[in-house]
Amino acid sequence: MPSRKLLAAYLPTPGGEDALALAIALAGPFHAALDVCMVLPPPPESDGDAGADSVRTTTEMLDAQAADWLSEAVGRIPDEVVAEGHIAFHENAAEGLVAEAEATGSAAIIVGGSGGGIRGRHALGSAVNDLLHISTKPVVITPLGAQETARPLRRITCAIGRRPGSTPLLRAAVDACSRSGLPLRLVSLVTSDDATAHRDGDMTGDDENRAVAHATEQLAEHVASFGAQLPDGQEITSEVLTGDTIEDAVASLEWTAEDIIFVGSSRLARPQQLFFGATASKMLRALAIPMVVVPRDPG
C-alpha cells in the first residue's frame, strides 16, 4: 500500500494535464497515492433575488461540469496507481491548495504552468506564483508539455547553497531517495554574478578558486553526513558547477527528462513556508525538468 499521498492540482487545461501526468510518473517511485484536486470559487450566496438565483443555478451547472472533468481525469490514471479526486471550494486558489494539502496529509503539491510558454520550459501563472510564496508543503513545478514528456525518474538532484540553512532541503532530498531507491546528485553553483562569493562585484580568479574550494568542501561534508542516511549501496555524488551566470552554470551539467531537482526556499521565507528566491527562479528558467521547492523548515 502507498505510504504517502501527493496532491495534484488539476484543471482541464494544458497545465492541469501536465501536473496530472507528472503526478502519475512520481506516484510509482515514491510509493504514493494521488489526490487529484480541483479548487473552485465558492458558490454565491442566494438572498432570494431572481438574478442571484440565476447566477447560483449557472454556478451549479458549472460545478457539475467540473465534477465530470475531474471524474474523467481520474479515470485515465493507470490502475496500478491508487488515486481519488475531489473538488474543494476556496476564494483563493493558492490558499485552497495549501488548505487541501494540509487536510489530506499530502506530502507535496504538484502544479502545472500557464499557457503561452515555450514547450519544455516553465511558465508560472498567478496562482502558482502565489503558492510559491505561501505553501507549507513542498511544491513540485511541472514543465510545459509534461503530459507528453513525463518519464519514470532515474535520478534526484539537489541544489545546495553555500550559506547555512540547507539541512531541511537535504533531508527532503535524502528522504525522497530513500523511498524511491534513486541515486542522489548534490550540486553547488559558483558564478561570477554570485554576491555570496565576492563583495566588489567582479570575481577574480583567486575568488573563484576559493569559492570552488569552499563549495567542494561543503559538498564532501554533506555526502559524508547525509550519504550515511541512505540505504547501503545507494549512490550519492556531488559536483560544483561554475559559469558567468546561474543559467550558464546549470547548463554545464547533463540533464534528461528523467531528472528532477530539489531546491530550497529563500532565506526570506518564514519557517515552514516557501519563498521562491532569485537563484531558484533563474534555475527554473534554465531547466526543462520538474523542480521541487522545499520550505525552510517543512516540519
Foldseek 3Di string as FASTA:
>chain_A
DAPAEEEEEADPDLFRLLSLLQRLLLCVLLSYAYEYEYEAADQDDDPPDPVSVVSNVVVVVVVVVRVVVQVVSVVPRDPVHHYDYDYHHDNAPLVRQQVVCVVVVHQEYETGDDPDDDALAHHHDPSVLVNQQFHLHKYKYAGRPNSPLADRAAEEEEEDELDPQCVQLLVVRLSSCQSRVHAYEYEYEDALQDCVQDPPSGQDPVSSVVVQVSVVVVVVVSCVVSVVVHPPPGHYYYDYFYYNDLLNRLVVDDDDQNYEYEYEADPPHDASGHHHDDSNVSNSRNGSYMYIYGYSHSD
